């Protein structure tokens, strides 16, 4: 509910609603945890990446880890993100998770050939696995870095055969 309230609502076909990420939401999340930004599985699209990058430039100076896995970021969004990070956003960033998005060979090349060359100490996870959100008491609601369909197939904890 808190997340939904801080994101703006946009119309889609039929009754389906989508939430668009705002720079204000990114800044707020960086304030809550200045070292790790967990945005996995939120449906972030290329059209959200400008707001993401704006928020990262404003409040990402202490971030060491960003998880953008399992969203809908394509080549255009990767290009915007790479440009922001190569331009100095998040100078302490050590880990970036991008697996499970919709970018293709061009996006992979921008990350592998561009970003990794400019930010040599940065570890970029391109596979669907790689980043796991910490389970801390009192933390903001987090999304698992696993796809929702994988989590749905697992039995509840403590459920026996």
N, C-alpha and C. Protein backbone atom coordinates (compact mmCIF):
# COMPACT_ATOMS: atom_id res chain seq x y z
N UNK A 1 0.83 -1.19 0.00
CA UNK A 1 0.00 0.00 0.00
C UNK A 1 0.87 1.25 0.00
N UNK A 2 1.94 1.25 0.83
CA UNK A 2 2.84 2.40 0.87
C UNK A 2 3.50 2.60 -0.47
N UNK A 3 3.95 1.51 -1.09
CA UNK A 3 4.58 1.59 -2.40
C UNK A 3 3.61 2.11 -3.42
N UNK A 4 2.42 1.58 -3.45
CA UNK A 4 1.42 2.01 -4.42
C UNK A 4 1.06 3.47 -4.24
N UNK A 5 1.01 3.94 -3.02
CA UNK A 5 0.66 5.33 -2.76
C UNK A 5 1.73 6.30 -3.25
N UNK A 6 2.98 5.85 -3.26
CA UNK A 6 4.05 6.74 -3.67
C UNK A 6 4.40 6.64 -5.14
N UNK A 7 3.70 5.82 -5.87
CA UNK A 7 3.91 5.69 -7.30
C UNK A 7 2.69 6.24 -8.02
N UNK A 8 2.90 6.84 -9.19
CA UNK A 8 1.75 7.39 -9.90
C UNK A 8 1.08 6.29 -10.71
N UNK A 9 -0.21 6.37 -10.88
CA UNK A 9 -0.99 5.37 -11.60
C UNK A 9 -1.16 5.82 -13.04
N UNK A 10 -1.00 4.89 -13.97
CA UNK A 10 -1.21 5.19 -15.39
C UNK A 10 -2.24 4.22 -15.94
N UNK A 11 -2.94 4.65 -16.97
CA UNK A 11 -3.97 3.82 -17.58
C UNK A 11 -3.35 2.80 -18.53
N UNK A 12 -3.95 1.65 -18.61
CA UNK A 12 -3.60 0.62 -19.59
C UNK A 12 -4.89 0.13 -20.20
N UNK A 13 -4.79 -0.82 -21.09
CA UNK A 13 -5.98 -1.33 -21.74
C UNK A 13 -6.94 -1.95 -20.73
N UNK A 14 -8.23 -1.73 -20.94
CA UNK A 14 -9.24 -2.30 -20.06
C UNK A 14 -9.16 -1.73 -18.67
N UNK A 15 -9.37 -2.57 -17.68
CA UNK A 15 -9.37 -2.13 -16.29
C UNK A 15 -8.00 -2.29 -15.63
N UNK A 16 -7.03 -2.78 -16.38
CA UNK A 16 -5.71 -3.04 -15.83
C UNK A 16 -4.99 -1.72 -15.54
N UNK A 17 -4.39 -1.60 -14.39
CA UNK A 17 -3.62 -0.42 -14.02
C UNK A 17 -2.16 -0.80 -13.87
N UNK A 18 -1.29 0.14 -14.22
CA UNK A 18 0.14 -0.07 -14.06
C UNK A 18 0.69 1.06 -13.21
N UNK A 19 1.72 0.78 -12.45
CA UNK A 19 2.33 1.81 -11.63
C UNK A 19 3.64 2.22 -12.26
N UNK A 20 3.85 3.52 -12.37
CA UNK A 20 5.07 4.06 -12.95
C UNK A 20 5.96 4.58 -11.82
N UNK A 21 7.21 4.19 -11.85
CA UNK A 21 8.17 4.59 -10.83
C UNK A 21 8.43 6.09 -10.91
N UNK A 22 8.56 6.73 -9.77
CA UNK A 22 8.87 8.16 -9.73
C UNK A 22 10.24 8.36 -9.09
N UNK A 23 10.87 9.49 -9.41
CA UNK A 23 12.15 9.83 -8.79
C UNK A 23 11.98 9.98 -7.28
N UNK A 24 10.83 10.50 -6.85
CA UNK A 24 10.55 10.67 -5.43
C UNK A 24 10.57 9.32 -4.70
N UNK A 25 10.00 8.28 -5.34
CA UNK A 25 10.01 6.94 -4.74
C UNK A 25 11.43 6.41 -4.62
N UNK A 26 12.25 6.63 -5.64
CA UNK A 26 13.65 6.17 -5.60
C UNK A 26 14.40 6.89 -4.48
N UNK A 27 14.22 8.20 -4.39
CA UNK A 27 14.87 8.98 -3.33
C UNK A 27 14.43 8.49 -1.95
N UNK A 28 13.13 8.22 -1.78
CA UNK A 28 12.62 7.72 -0.49
C UNK A 28 13.22 6.38 -0.14
N UNK A 29 13.30 5.48 -1.11
CA UNK A 29 13.88 4.16 -0.84
C UNK A 29 15.36 4.25 -0.52
N UNK A 30 16.08 5.16 -1.20
CA UNK A 30 17.50 5.36 -0.89
C UNK A 30 17.67 5.93 0.52
N UNK A 31 16.70 6.73 0.96
CA UNK A 31 16.75 7.26 2.33
C UNK A 31 16.52 6.18 3.37
N UNK A 32 15.64 5.21 3.04
CA UNK A 32 15.36 4.11 3.96
C UNK A 32 16.53 3.15 4.07
N UNK A 33 17.20 2.89 2.96
CA UNK A 33 18.38 2.03 2.94
C UNK A 33 19.37 2.64 1.96
N UNK A 34 20.29 3.47 2.45
CA UNK A 34 21.19 4.19 1.54
C UNK A 34 22.22 3.33 0.83
N UNK A 35 22.33 2.03 1.18
CA UNK A 35 23.33 1.19 0.54
C UNK A 35 22.75 0.19 -0.45
N UNK A 36 21.47 -0.14 -0.37
CA UNK A 36 20.88 -1.16 -1.25
C UNK A 36 19.50 -0.72 -1.72
N UNK A 37 19.29 -0.82 -3.02
CA UNK A 37 18.01 -0.46 -3.61
C UNK A 37 17.43 -1.71 -4.27
N UNK A 38 16.32 -2.21 -3.72
CA UNK A 38 15.70 -3.44 -4.18
C UNK A 38 14.42 -3.10 -4.94
N UNK A 39 14.47 -3.18 -6.28
CA UNK A 39 13.32 -2.86 -7.13
C UNK A 39 12.98 -4.05 -8.03
N UNK A 40 13.21 -5.23 -7.55
CA UNK A 40 12.96 -6.44 -8.32
C UNK A 40 11.47 -6.71 -8.45
N UNK A 41 11.05 -7.12 -9.65
CA UNK A 41 9.69 -7.59 -9.87
C UNK A 41 8.61 -6.54 -9.75
N UNK A 42 8.92 -5.28 -9.97
CA UNK A 42 7.92 -4.22 -9.86
C UNK A 42 7.31 -3.81 -11.20
N UNK A 43 7.71 -4.46 -12.28
CA UNK A 43 7.17 -4.11 -13.59
C UNK A 43 7.79 -2.84 -14.17
N UNK A 44 8.98 -2.48 -13.73
CA UNK A 44 9.65 -1.28 -14.24
C UNK A 44 9.92 -1.45 -15.73
N UNK A 45 9.55 -0.41 -16.49
CA UNK A 45 9.70 -0.42 -17.94
C UNK A 45 10.70 0.66 -18.36
N UNK A 46 11.01 0.68 -19.66
CA UNK A 46 11.92 1.70 -20.19
C UNK A 46 11.43 3.11 -19.83
N UNK A 47 10.12 3.31 -19.87
CA UNK A 47 9.56 4.63 -19.57
C UNK A 47 9.76 5.05 -18.12
N UNK A 48 10.09 4.11 -17.24
CA UNK A 48 10.35 4.41 -15.83
C UNK A 48 11.82 4.71 -15.55
N UNK A 49 12.70 4.38 -16.50
CA UNK A 49 14.13 4.46 -16.23
C UNK A 49 14.62 5.90 -16.10
N UNK A 50 13.99 6.86 -16.78
CA UNK A 50 14.38 8.27 -16.60
C UNK A 50 14.17 8.69 -15.15
N UNK A 51 13.01 8.35 -14.57
CA UNK A 51 12.73 8.68 -13.17
C UNK A 51 13.70 7.94 -12.25
N UNK A 52 13.98 6.68 -12.56
CA UNK A 52 14.94 5.91 -11.78
C UNK A 52 16.30 6.60 -11.77
N UNK A 53 16.78 6.97 -12.94
CA UNK A 53 18.10 7.60 -13.04
C UNK A 53 18.12 8.96 -12.35
N UNK A 54 17.03 9.72 -12.45
CA UNK A 54 16.93 11.00 -11.77
C UNK A 54 17.03 10.78 -10.25
N UNK A 55 16.31 9.80 -9.75
CA UNK A 55 16.37 9.48 -8.32
C UNK A 55 17.75 9.01 -7.89
N UNK A 56 18.41 8.21 -8.75
CA UNK A 56 19.75 7.72 -8.43
C UNK A 56 20.75 8.87 -8.39
N UNK A 57 20.62 9.83 -9.32
CA UNK A 57 21.53 10.99 -9.31
C UNK A 57 21.31 11.84 -8.06
N UNK A 58 20.06 11.94 -7.59
CA UNK A 58 19.75 12.76 -6.43
C UNK A 58 20.14 12.10 -5.11
N UNK A 59 19.97 10.78 -5.00
CA UNK A 59 20.11 10.14 -3.69
C UNK A 59 20.91 8.85 -3.69
N UNK A 60 21.57 8.50 -4.77
CA UNK A 60 22.25 7.22 -4.85
C UNK A 60 23.74 7.25 -4.54
N UNK A 61 24.23 8.31 -3.94
CA UNK A 61 25.68 8.45 -3.73
C UNK A 61 26.27 7.39 -2.81
N UNK A 62 25.44 6.77 -1.95
CA UNK A 62 25.95 5.75 -1.03
C UNK A 62 25.57 4.32 -1.42
N UNK A 63 24.80 4.18 -2.50
CA UNK A 63 24.36 2.84 -2.91
C UNK A 63 25.53 1.96 -3.31
N UNK A 64 25.52 0.73 -2.82
CA UNK A 64 26.52 -0.26 -3.22
C UNK A 64 25.88 -1.39 -4.02
N UNK A 65 24.55 -1.52 -3.94
CA UNK A 65 23.85 -2.61 -4.63
C UNK A 65 22.49 -2.14 -5.13
N UNK A 66 22.19 -2.47 -6.40
CA UNK A 66 20.88 -2.17 -6.99
C UNK A 66 20.36 -3.45 -7.64
N UNK A 67 19.14 -3.84 -7.29
CA UNK A 67 18.50 -5.00 -7.88
C UNK A 67 17.32 -4.54 -8.73
N UNK A 68 17.48 -4.62 -10.04
CA UNK A 68 16.44 -4.29 -11.00
C UNK A 68 15.98 -5.54 -11.74
N UNK A 69 16.24 -6.71 -11.17
CA UNK A 69 15.92 -7.96 -11.84
C UNK A 69 14.41 -8.15 -11.95
N UNK A 70 14.01 -8.97 -12.90
CA UNK A 70 12.62 -9.38 -13.10
C UNK A 70 11.67 -8.20 -13.29
N UNK A 71 12.06 -7.30 -14.17
CA UNK A 71 11.21 -6.19 -14.57
C UNK A 71 11.00 -6.29 -16.07
N UNK A 72 10.67 -5.20 -16.72
CA UNK A 72 10.42 -5.19 -18.17
C UNK A 72 11.33 -4.19 -18.86
N UNK A 73 12.57 -4.10 -18.40
CA UNK A 73 13.53 -3.15 -18.96
C UNK A 73 14.11 -3.74 -20.24
N UNK A 74 14.00 -2.98 -21.33
CA UNK A 74 14.50 -3.40 -22.64
C UNK A 74 15.77 -2.61 -22.96
N UNK A 75 16.22 -2.71 -24.20
CA UNK A 75 17.48 -2.08 -24.61
C UNK A 75 17.51 -0.58 -24.36
N UNK A 76 16.41 0.13 -24.64
CA UNK A 76 16.37 1.58 -24.44
C UNK A 76 16.55 1.94 -22.97
N UNK A 77 15.95 1.18 -22.08
CA UNK A 77 16.10 1.42 -20.65
C UNK A 77 17.50 1.13 -20.17
N UNK A 78 18.10 0.06 -20.69
CA UNK A 78 19.48 -0.28 -20.33
C UNK A 78 20.40 0.85 -20.77
N UNK A 79 20.16 1.40 -21.96
CA UNK A 79 21.00 2.50 -22.46
C UNK A 79 20.92 3.70 -21.52
N UNK A 80 19.73 4.05 -21.06
CA UNK A 80 19.57 5.17 -20.13
C UNK A 80 20.29 4.90 -18.82
N UNK A 81 20.15 3.69 -18.30
CA UNK A 81 20.78 3.32 -17.04
C UNK A 81 22.30 3.33 -17.16
N UNK A 82 22.82 2.75 -18.23
CA UNK A 82 24.27 2.71 -18.45
C UNK A 82 24.81 4.14 -18.57
N UNK A 83 24.10 5.01 -19.28
CA UNK A 83 24.53 6.40 -19.44
C UNK A 83 24.61 7.10 -18.08
N UNK A 84 23.58 6.90 -17.24
CA UNK A 84 23.58 7.53 -15.92
C UNK A 84 24.72 7.01 -15.05
N UNK A 85 24.90 5.70 -15.02
CA UNK A 85 25.95 5.11 -14.18
C UNK A 85 27.34 5.47 -14.69
N UNK A 86 27.53 5.48 -16.01
CA UNK A 86 28.81 5.86 -16.59
C UNK A 86 29.08 7.35 -16.37
N UNK A 87 28.01 8.13 -16.22
CA UNK A 87 28.14 9.56 -16.00
C UNK A 87 28.35 9.96 -14.55
N UNK A 88 28.48 8.99 -13.66
CA UNK A 88 28.82 9.30 -12.27
C UNK A 88 27.74 9.02 -11.24
N UNK A 89 26.54 8.63 -11.66
CA UNK A 89 25.51 8.28 -10.67
C UNK A 89 25.96 7.06 -9.89
N UNK A 90 25.68 7.03 -8.63
CA UNK A 90 26.01 5.89 -7.75
C UNK A 90 27.50 5.53 -7.79
N UNK A 91 28.37 6.44 -7.37
CA UNK A 91 29.81 6.19 -7.49
C UNK A 91 30.33 5.01 -6.67
N UNK A 92 29.60 4.59 -5.63
CA UNK A 92 30.05 3.47 -4.80
C UNK A 92 29.43 2.14 -5.21
N UNK A 93 28.67 2.13 -6.29
CA UNK A 93 27.97 0.92 -6.70
C UNK A 93 28.95 -0.21 -6.99
N UNK A 94 28.72 -1.35 -6.36
CA UNK A 94 29.57 -2.52 -6.52
C UNK A 94 28.83 -3.68 -7.17
N UNK A 95 27.47 -3.69 -7.09
CA UNK A 95 26.68 -4.81 -7.60
C UNK A 95 25.40 -4.29 -8.25
N UNK A 96 25.14 -4.78 -9.47
CA UNK A 96 23.94 -4.41 -10.21
C UNK A 96 23.31 -5.68 -10.75
N UNK A 97 22.03 -5.90 -10.46
CA UNK A 97 21.33 -7.09 -10.90
C UNK A 97 20.31 -6.70 -11.96
N UNK A 98 20.47 -7.29 -13.15
CA UNK A 98 19.60 -6.97 -14.28
C UNK A 98 18.92 -8.18 -14.88
N UNK A 99 19.14 -9.37 -14.36
CA UNK A 99 18.57 -10.58 -14.92
C UNK A 99 17.05 -10.58 -14.93
N UNK A 100 16.48 -11.30 -15.87
CA UNK A 100 15.04 -11.43 -15.93
C UNK A 100 14.33 -10.23 -16.54
N UNK A 101 15.04 -9.40 -17.28
CA UNK A 101 14.44 -8.26 -17.97
C UNK A 101 14.27 -8.62 -19.45
N UNK A 102 13.81 -7.66 -20.24
CA UNK A 102 13.49 -7.97 -21.64
C UNK A 102 14.49 -7.40 -22.64
N UNK A 103 15.68 -6.99 -22.18
CA UNK A 103 16.66 -6.48 -23.13
C UNK A 103 17.32 -7.63 -23.88
N UNK A 104 17.84 -7.29 -25.05
CA UNK A 104 18.44 -8.31 -25.91
C UNK A 104 19.95 -8.16 -26.00
N UNK A 105 20.49 -8.58 -27.14
CA UNK A 105 21.93 -8.57 -27.35
C UNK A 105 22.52 -7.16 -27.28
N UNK A 106 21.78 -6.17 -27.78
CA UNK A 106 22.27 -4.79 -27.73
C UNK A 106 22.41 -4.32 -26.28
N UNK A 107 21.42 -4.59 -25.45
CA UNK A 107 21.49 -4.23 -24.03
C UNK A 107 22.64 -4.93 -23.33
N UNK A 108 22.80 -6.21 -23.63
CA UNK A 108 23.91 -6.98 -23.05
C UNK A 108 25.25 -6.38 -23.45
N UNK A 109 25.38 -5.96 -24.71
CA UNK A 109 26.63 -5.36 -25.18
C UNK A 109 26.89 -4.02 -24.50
N UNK A 110 25.84 -3.22 -24.29
CA UNK A 110 26.01 -1.93 -23.60
C UNK A 110 26.54 -2.15 -22.18
N UNK A 111 26.04 -3.19 -21.52
CA UNK A 111 26.49 -3.49 -20.16
C UNK A 111 27.90 -4.08 -20.20
N UNK A 112 28.09 -5.10 -21.02
CA UNK A 112 29.38 -5.81 -21.05
C UNK A 112 30.49 -4.95 -21.63
N UNK A 113 30.22 -4.29 -22.75
CA UNK A 113 31.26 -3.52 -23.41
C UNK A 113 31.42 -2.11 -22.89
N UNK A 114 30.33 -1.53 -22.43
CA UNK A 114 30.37 -0.14 -21.99
C UNK A 114 30.52 0.01 -20.49
N UNK A 115 29.50 -0.41 -19.77
CA UNK A 115 29.47 -0.19 -18.34
C UNK A 115 30.59 -0.91 -17.61
N UNK A 116 30.81 -2.17 -17.94
CA UNK A 116 31.87 -2.92 -17.24
C UNK A 116 33.24 -2.33 -17.52
N UNK A 117 33.43 -1.73 -18.70
CA UNK A 117 34.72 -1.11 -19.02
C UNK A 117 34.91 0.19 -18.25
N UNK A 118 33.82 0.95 -18.07
CA UNK A 118 33.91 2.23 -17.39
C UNK A 118 33.86 2.11 -15.87
N UNK A 119 33.21 1.09 -15.37
CA UNK A 119 33.09 0.87 -13.92
C UNK A 119 33.68 -0.51 -13.62
N UNK A 120 35.00 -0.60 -13.66
CA UNK A 120 35.69 -1.89 -13.59
C UNK A 120 35.40 -2.70 -12.34
N UNK A 121 35.14 -2.09 -11.22
CA UNK A 121 34.87 -2.84 -10.00
C UNK A 121 33.44 -3.30 -9.86
N UNK A 122 32.59 -2.93 -10.80
CA UNK A 122 31.17 -3.24 -10.73
C UNK A 122 30.90 -4.67 -11.18
N UNK A 123 30.19 -5.42 -10.33
CA UNK A 123 29.75 -6.78 -10.67
C UNK A 123 28.32 -6.66 -11.19
N UNK A 124 28.10 -7.12 -12.41
CA UNK A 124 26.76 -7.06 -13.00
C UNK A 124 26.25 -8.48 -13.18
N UNK A 125 25.11 -8.78 -12.56
CA UNK A 125 24.47 -10.08 -12.69
C UNK A 125 23.46 -9.99 -13.83
N UNK A 126 23.72 -10.76 -14.89
CA UNK A 126 22.83 -10.76 -16.04
C UNK A 126 21.87 -11.94 -16.02
N UNK A 127 22.20 -12.97 -15.24
CA UNK A 127 21.33 -14.14 -15.13
C UNK A 127 20.15 -13.80 -14.23
N UNK A 128 19.11 -14.60 -14.29
CA UNK A 128 17.91 -14.35 -13.49
C UNK A 128 18.20 -14.43 -11.99
N UNK A 129 19.19 -15.21 -11.59
CA UNK A 129 19.56 -15.29 -10.18
C UNK A 129 20.73 -14.34 -9.95
N UNK A 130 21.10 -14.17 -8.70
CA UNK A 130 22.29 -13.39 -8.42
C UNK A 130 22.12 -12.41 -7.28
N UNK A 131 20.98 -11.79 -7.15
CA UNK A 131 20.76 -10.84 -6.07
C UNK A 131 19.62 -11.35 -5.20
N UNK A 132 19.81 -11.30 -3.94
CA UNK A 132 18.76 -11.67 -3.00
C UNK A 132 18.58 -10.53 -2.01
N UNK A 133 17.37 -10.08 -1.83
CA UNK A 133 17.07 -9.03 -0.87
C UNK A 133 17.23 -9.59 0.54
N UNK A 134 17.84 -8.82 1.44
CA UNK A 134 17.99 -9.30 2.81
C UNK A 134 16.64 -9.32 3.50
N UNK A 135 16.43 -10.31 4.35
CA UNK A 135 15.19 -10.41 5.11
C UNK A 135 15.45 -9.78 6.47
N UNK A 136 15.11 -8.51 6.62
CA UNK A 136 15.34 -7.79 7.86
C UNK A 136 14.01 -7.40 8.47
N UNK A 137 13.91 -7.52 9.76
CA UNK A 137 12.70 -7.11 10.46
C UNK A 137 12.55 -5.60 10.33
N UNK A 138 11.34 -5.16 10.03
CA UNK A 138 11.07 -3.74 9.93
C UNK A 138 11.46 -3.12 8.61
N UNK A 139 11.94 -3.91 7.67
CA UNK A 139 12.34 -3.37 6.37
C UNK A 139 11.11 -3.09 5.53
N UNK A 140 11.27 -2.26 4.52
CA UNK A 140 10.17 -2.01 3.59
C UNK A 140 9.76 -3.31 2.94
N UNK A 141 8.53 -3.43 2.52
CA UNK A 141 8.13 -4.65 1.82
C UNK A 141 9.03 -4.84 0.60
N UNK A 142 9.61 -6.01 0.48
CA UNK A 142 10.53 -6.30 -0.61
C UNK A 142 9.94 -7.37 -1.52
N UNK A 143 10.36 -7.35 -2.74
CA UNK A 143 9.98 -8.39 -3.68
C UNK A 143 11.12 -9.38 -3.77
N UNK A 144 10.80 -10.62 -3.90
CA UNK A 144 11.82 -11.65 -4.09
C UNK A 144 12.48 -11.43 -5.43
N UNK A 145 13.76 -11.77 -5.53
CA UNK A 145 14.43 -11.65 -6.81
C UNK A 145 14.10 -12.84 -7.71
N UNK A 146 13.32 -13.81 -7.17
CA UNK A 146 12.89 -14.94 -7.98
C UNK A 146 11.61 -14.55 -8.72
N UNK A 147 11.41 -15.10 -9.91
CA UNK A 147 10.16 -14.80 -10.61
C UNK A 147 8.96 -15.26 -9.79
N UNK A 148 7.83 -14.53 -9.87
CA UNK A 148 6.66 -14.89 -9.07
C UNK A 148 6.18 -16.31 -9.32
N UNK A 149 6.30 -16.79 -10.55
CA UNK A 149 5.82 -18.15 -10.82
C UNK A 149 6.67 -19.20 -10.11
N UNK A 150 7.97 -18.91 -9.90
CA UNK A 150 8.82 -19.86 -9.19
C UNK A 150 8.45 -19.89 -7.71
N UNK A 151 8.18 -18.72 -7.14
CA UNK A 151 7.80 -18.65 -5.73
C UNK A 151 6.47 -19.31 -5.50
N UNK A 152 5.55 -19.21 -6.46
CA UNK A 152 4.21 -19.77 -6.30
C UNK A 152 4.23 -21.30 -6.31
N UNK A 153 5.23 -21.89 -6.95
CA UNK A 153 5.32 -23.35 -7.05
C UNK A 153 5.87 -23.99 -5.80
N UNK A 154 6.54 -23.17 -4.95
CA UNK A 154 7.14 -23.73 -3.74
C UNK A 154 6.09 -23.89 -2.66
N UNK A 155 6.14 -24.97 -1.89
CA UNK A 155 5.18 -25.15 -0.78
C UNK A 155 5.48 -24.14 0.31
N UNK A 156 4.50 -23.76 1.10
CA UNK A 156 4.74 -22.85 2.23
C UNK A 156 5.74 -23.45 3.20
N UNK A 157 6.46 -22.59 3.89
CA UNK A 157 7.45 -23.04 4.86
C UNK A 157 6.74 -23.87 5.93
N UNK A 158 7.31 -24.99 6.26
CA UNK A 158 6.75 -25.86 7.28
C UNK A 158 5.71 -26.84 6.76
N UNK A 159 5.36 -26.71 5.48
CA UNK A 159 4.36 -27.64 4.92
C UNK A 159 5.04 -28.95 4.60
N UNK A 160 4.59 -29.98 5.17
CA UNK A 160 5.20 -31.31 4.96
C UNK A 160 4.48 -32.08 3.90
N UNK A 161 5.05 -33.20 3.47
CA UNK A 161 4.41 -34.03 2.43
C UNK A 161 3.16 -34.73 2.91
